[in-house]
């Protein structure tokens, strides 16, 4: 039986963490336990970065204890579609061609979530290069829909939706070109958001179609999606499609 903590939304968990009723370490351990119990059947993760996650959770716990609470994402475990560059971590784009590729740069969206205090649990399965709607990956295995393992989770961000609905990440970051976040969200019963073009930087994201790609959150609730969108939004000089806009509280 799952630890009930992993079933909760960011909105619920952030209040518990802020009030020191739940520890980021306790929550992260619960999410890791969920992955270890169930991902063997679901196959949402390509890369598990659990040592990093525990270190980030411990750092978050110490900051919060010292009165340095960063906001609603502080201490929240999340994972990323494996098309986002994380400095020092293998990034495959779902292909064996890139199975040993380790970027020396990092996605702006990933960095902004880290700055908000999020905990990174790993990289998630996707349709190879994001080019398809099933996440039936020939290299890293088929990702299954947690509601019915005989069915697909949609794609291309299938692992992002499967991980969230199976409580193997409190939230995730995916992308949407022609439905890659919305199709898995609809298939799995979670929220997948395609933000306005230019609102979220694509720097450090492996492109499928530069003029159509959008970076966006996959979450359990609309309010949770707003928390992530607020954290990752904003102008980025490293992305020529990024738009200068006033900060918006979503």
Protein backbone atom coordinates (compact mmCIF):
# COMPACT_ATOMS: atom_id res chain seq x y z
CA UNK A 1 0.00 0.00 0.00
CA UNK A 2 1.31 3.42 -0.97
CA UNK A 3 2.36 5.94 1.65
CA UNK A 4 -0.55 8.39 1.52
CA UNK A 5 1.86 11.33 1.37
CA UNK A 6 2.69 10.54 -2.26
CA UNK A 7 -0.96 10.85 -3.28
CA UNK A 8 -1.19 14.48 -2.21
CA UNK A 9 -0.94 17.59 -4.34
CA UNK A 10 1.74 20.26 -4.18
CA UNK A 11 -0.85 22.59 -2.68
CA UNK A 12 -1.39 20.17 0.22
CA UNK A 13 2.23 19.12 0.66
CA UNK A 14 3.67 22.62 0.54
CA UNK A 15 1.59 23.65 3.54
CA UNK A 16 2.72 20.60 5.50
CA UNK A 17 6.36 21.21 4.60
CA UNK A 18 6.18 24.93 5.38
CA UNK A 19 4.66 24.17 8.80
CA UNK A 20 7.28 21.45 9.40
CA UNK A 21 4.60 18.75 9.69
CA UNK A 22 6.24 16.80 6.86
CA UNK A 23 9.94 16.65 6.07
CA UNK A 24 11.22 16.90 2.47
CA UNK A 25 13.38 13.87 3.28
CA UNK A 26 10.36 11.88 4.45
CA UNK A 27 8.41 12.85 1.33
CA UNK A 28 11.30 12.09 -1.02
CA UNK A 29 11.87 8.69 0.57
CA UNK A 30 8.17 7.92 0.11
CA UNK A 31 8.31 8.83 -3.59
CA UNK A 32 11.49 6.77 -4.09
CA UNK A 33 9.81 3.81 -2.39
CA UNK A 34 6.84 4.20 -4.74
CA UNK A 35 9.16 4.14 -7.77
CA UNK A 36 10.98 1.06 -6.51
CA UNK A 37 7.70 -0.76 -5.88
CA UNK A 38 5.83 0.02 -9.08
CA UNK A 39 8.04 1.29 -11.88
CA UNK A 40 9.19 -2.19 -12.78
CA UNK A 41 5.74 -2.66 -14.31
CA UNK A 42 5.04 0.89 -15.49
CA UNK A 43 8.49 1.84 -16.84
CA UNK A 44 8.06 5.60 -16.49
CA UNK A 45 11.70 6.26 -15.52
CA UNK A 46 14.75 6.03 -17.78
CA UNK A 47 17.18 7.40 -15.19
CA UNK A 48 16.82 7.39 -11.40
CA UNK A 49 18.82 10.05 -9.57
CA UNK A 50 17.92 9.01 -6.05
CA UNK A 51 21.23 9.91 -4.41
CA UNK A 52 20.91 13.42 -5.80
CA UNK A 53 17.26 13.54 -4.70
CA UNK A 54 18.11 12.59 -1.13
CA UNK A 55 20.88 15.21 -1.02
CA UNK A 56 18.55 17.89 -2.38
CA UNK A 57 15.82 16.90 0.09
CA UNK A 58 18.26 17.06 2.99
CA UNK A 59 19.42 20.51 1.89
CA UNK A 60 15.81 21.68 1.61
CA UNK A 61 15.02 20.37 5.07
CA UNK A 62 17.95 22.28 6.57
CA UNK A 63 16.99 25.50 4.79
CA UNK A 64 13.38 25.27 5.95
CA UNK A 65 14.47 24.54 9.52
CA UNK A 66 16.60 27.70 9.33
CA UNK A 67 13.59 29.76 8.26
CA UNK A 68 14.61 30.00 4.59
CA UNK A 69 11.45 28.64 2.97
CA UNK A 70 11.56 29.34 -0.77
CA UNK A 71 7.92 28.75 -1.65
CA UNK A 72 5.45 26.02 -2.63
CA UNK A 73 7.95 23.90 -4.60
CA UNK A 74 10.53 23.77 -1.82
CA UNK A 75 11.18 20.11 -0.99
CA UNK A 76 8.77 18.77 -3.63
CA UNK A 77 10.05 15.70 -5.57
CA UNK A 78 9.63 15.89 -9.33
CA UNK A 79 11.05 14.31 -12.46
CA UNK A 80 11.74 15.38 -16.03
CA UNK A 81 11.05 14.14 -19.52
CA UNK A 82 14.41 12.87 -20.75
CA UNK A 83 14.74 15.62 -23.33
CA UNK A 84 15.69 18.24 -20.73
CA UNK A 85 19.39 18.74 -20.19
CA UNK A 86 20.49 18.42 -16.58
CA UNK A 87 24.15 19.26 -16.20
CA UNK A 88 26.18 16.15 -15.43
CA UNK A 89 23.29 13.71 -15.99
CA UNK A 90 22.84 11.43 -18.99
CA UNK A 91 20.20 12.81 -21.35
CA UNK A 92 19.03 10.33 -23.99
CA UNK A 93 16.04 11.92 -25.76
CA UNK A 94 14.72 8.36 -25.63
CA UNK A 95 17.31 7.11 -28.13
CA UNK A 96 20.32 4.81 -27.88
CA UNK A 97 22.15 7.24 -30.16
CA UNK A 98 22.43 9.53 -27.12
CA UNK A 99 22.67 6.86 -24.43
CA UNK A 100 26.04 8.22 -23.27
CA UNK A 101 25.39 11.93 -23.83
CA UNK A 102 26.08 14.03 -20.74
CA UNK A 103 25.38 17.75 -21.29
CA UNK A 104 27.55 20.45 -19.79
CA UNK A 105 24.64 22.90 -19.81
CA UNK A 106 21.28 22.80 -18.06
CA UNK A 107 17.75 23.57 -19.15
CA UNK A 108 16.59 26.98 -17.93
CA UNK A 109 13.29 25.47 -16.78
CA UNK A 110 15.13 22.80 -14.79
CA UNK A 111 17.42 25.41 -13.22
CA UNK A 112 14.45 27.57 -12.25
CA UNK A 113 12.73 24.63 -10.56
CA UNK A 114 15.95 23.90 -8.70
CA UNK A 115 16.10 27.54 -7.61
CA UNK A 116 12.54 27.15 -6.30
CA UNK A 117 13.77 24.29 -4.09
CA UNK A 118 12.39 21.31 -6.01
CA UNK A 119 13.94 17.85 -5.54
CA UNK A 120 14.97 15.96 -8.71
CA UNK A 121 14.21 12.22 -8.72
CA UNK A 122 15.14 11.38 -12.30
CA UNK A 123 14.50 11.42 -16.06
CA UNK A 124 11.34 10.04 -17.63
CA UNK A 125 10.49 7.83 -20.58
CA UNK A 126 9.29 9.33 -23.84
CA UNK A 127 8.58 8.39 -27.41
CA UNK A 128 11.98 8.37 -29.14
CA UNK A 129 12.96 12.00 -29.88
CA UNK A 130 9.41 13.00 -28.93
CA UNK A 131 8.20 11.89 -32.34
CA UNK A 132 5.07 9.87 -31.57
CA UNK A 133 2.06 9.51 -29.34
CA UNK A 134 2.48 6.15 -27.58
CA UNK A 135 5.78 6.16 -25.60
CA UNK A 136 6.40 2.67 -26.96
CA UNK A 137 10.14 3.19 -26.76
CA UNK A 138 12.20 0.54 -28.61
CA UNK A 139 15.36 1.30 -26.59
CA UNK A 140 14.20 1.85 -23.02
CA UNK A 141 11.01 -0.19 -23.13
CA UNK A 142 7.32 0.51 -23.44
CA UNK A 143 5.84 2.87 -20.85
CA UNK A 144 2.51 1.53 -19.60
CA UNK A 145 -0.61 3.33 -18.48
CA UNK A 146 -0.83 2.90 -14.67
CA UNK A 147 -4.62 2.54 -14.85
CA UNK A 148 -4.34 -0.43 -17.21
CA UNK A 149 -0.91 -1.87 -18.00
CA UNK A 150 -2.21 -3.23 -21.30
CA UNK A 151 -2.78 0.31 -22.54
CA UNK A 152 -0.47 3.14 -23.55
CA UNK A 153 -0.06 6.34 -21.51
CA UNK A 154 -0.05 8.51 -24.64
CA UNK A 155 2.95 10.43 -25.86
CA UNK A 156 5.34 11.74 -26.37
CA UNK A 157 5.61 12.74 -22.69
CA UNK A 158 4.12 9.43 -21.57
CA UNK A 159 6.54 8.89 -18.71
CA UNK A 160 5.77 12.35 -17.36
CA UNK A 161 2.06 11.58 -17.05
CA UNK A 162 2.50 7.97 -15.91
CA UNK A 163 4.89 8.97 -13.12
CA UNK A 164 2.50 11.59 -11.76
CA UNK A 165 -0.66 9.48 -11.84
CA UNK A 166 1.22 6.54 -10.25
CA UNK A 167 2.49 8.86 -7.48
CA UNK A 168 6.10 8.22 -8.53
CA UNK A 169 6.63 11.98 -8.78
CA UNK A 170 4.55 14.72 -7.21
CA UNK A 171 4.88 16.62 -10.50
CA UNK A 172 6.87 16.41 -13.71
CA UNK A 173 8.09 18.56 -16.55
CA UNK A 174 7.31 17.65 -20.13
CA UNK A 175 6.86 19.30 -23.47
CA UNK A 176 4.15 19.79 -26.06
CA UNK A 177 4.61 20.25 -29.80
CA UNK A 178 1.39 18.81 -31.21
CA UNK A 179 -0.10 17.27 -28.07
CA UNK A 180 2.88 15.67 -26.34
CA UNK A 181 1.82 16.86 -22.87
CA UNK A 182 -1.95 17.03 -23.38
CA UNK A 183 -2.39 13.58 -24.93
CA UNK A 184 -0.67 11.72 -22.04
CA UNK A 185 -2.51 13.90 -19.52
CA UNK A 186 -5.83 12.96 -21.10
CA UNK A 187 -4.83 9.29 -21.30
CA UNK A 188 -3.74 9.13 -17.65
CA UNK A 189 -6.17 11.55 -16.00
CA UNK A 190 -3.77 14.30 -14.92
CA UNK A 191 -3.16 17.93 -15.93
CA UNK A 192 -0.86 18.63 -18.88
CA UNK A 193 -0.30 22.25 -19.85
CA UNK A 194 0.95 23.74 -23.12
CA UNK A 195 1.86 27.32 -22.15
CA UNK A 196 1.76 30.31 -24.47
CA UNK A 197 4.68 30.25 -26.91
CA UNK A 198 7.59 32.28 -25.58
CA UNK A 199 6.45 32.28 -21.96
CA UNK A 200 8.74 29.41 -20.90
CA UNK A 201 12.33 29.15 -22.10
CA UNK A 202 13.25 26.20 -24.30
CA UNK A 203 16.97 26.62 -23.66
CA UNK A 204 18.50 23.27 -22.76
CA UNK A 205 15.57 21.30 -24.19
CA UNK A 206 16.24 19.00 -27.16
CA UNK A 207 13.97 20.30 -29.94
CA UNK A 208 11.51 18.40 -32.06
CA UNK A 209 10.22 21.50 -33.88
CA UNK A 210 11.81 24.76 -32.73
CA UNK A 211 8.82 26.92 -33.71
CA UNK A 212 6.20 24.58 -32.23
CA UNK A 213 7.83 23.20 -29.06
CA UNK A 214 6.47 24.32 -25.69
CA UNK A 215 7.85 23.40 -22.25
CA UNK A 216 5.18 22.78 -19.63
CA UNK A 217 4.17 20.99 -16.42
CA UNK A 218 2.30 17.76 -15.78
CA UNK A 219 0.59 17.73 -12.39
CA UNK A 220 -2.22 16.29 -10.31
CA UNK A 221 -4.24 19.52 -10.20
CA UNK A 222 -4.61 22.79 -12.08
CA UNK A 223 -3.37 24.70 -9.03
CA UNK A 224 -0.22 22.57 -9.01
CA UNK A 225 0.34 23.36 -12.70
CA UNK A 226 0.11 27.04 -11.81
CA UNK A 227 2.83 26.63 -9.18
CA UNK A 228 5.21 25.11 -11.73
CA UNK A 229 4.31 27.54 -14.49
CA UNK A 230 4.99 30.52 -12.25
CA UNK A 231 8.40 29.08 -11.35
CA UNK A 232 9.53 28.33 -14.91
CA UNK A 233 8.06 31.36 -16.70
CA UNK A 234 9.97 34.49 -17.59
CA UNK A 235 12.30 35.98 -20.14
CA UNK A 236 15.52 34.14 -20.93
CA UNK A 237 18.15 35.79 -23.13
CA UNK A 238 19.50 32.33 -24.03
CA UNK A 239 16.27 31.50 -25.91
CA UNK A 240 15.63 33.75 -28.94
CA UNK A 241 11.91 32.90 -28.85
CA UNK A 242 11.56 33.98 -25.21
CA UNK A 243 9.21 36.94 -24.75
CA UNK A 244 9.68 39.81 -22.31
CA UNK A 245 6.55 39.98 -20.18
CA UNK A 246 5.67 41.22 -16.73
CA UNK A 247 5.78 38.61 -13.99
CA UNK A 248 2.40 36.91 -13.64
CA UNK A 249 1.10 35.18 -10.53
CA UNK A 250 -0.86 32.24 -11.83
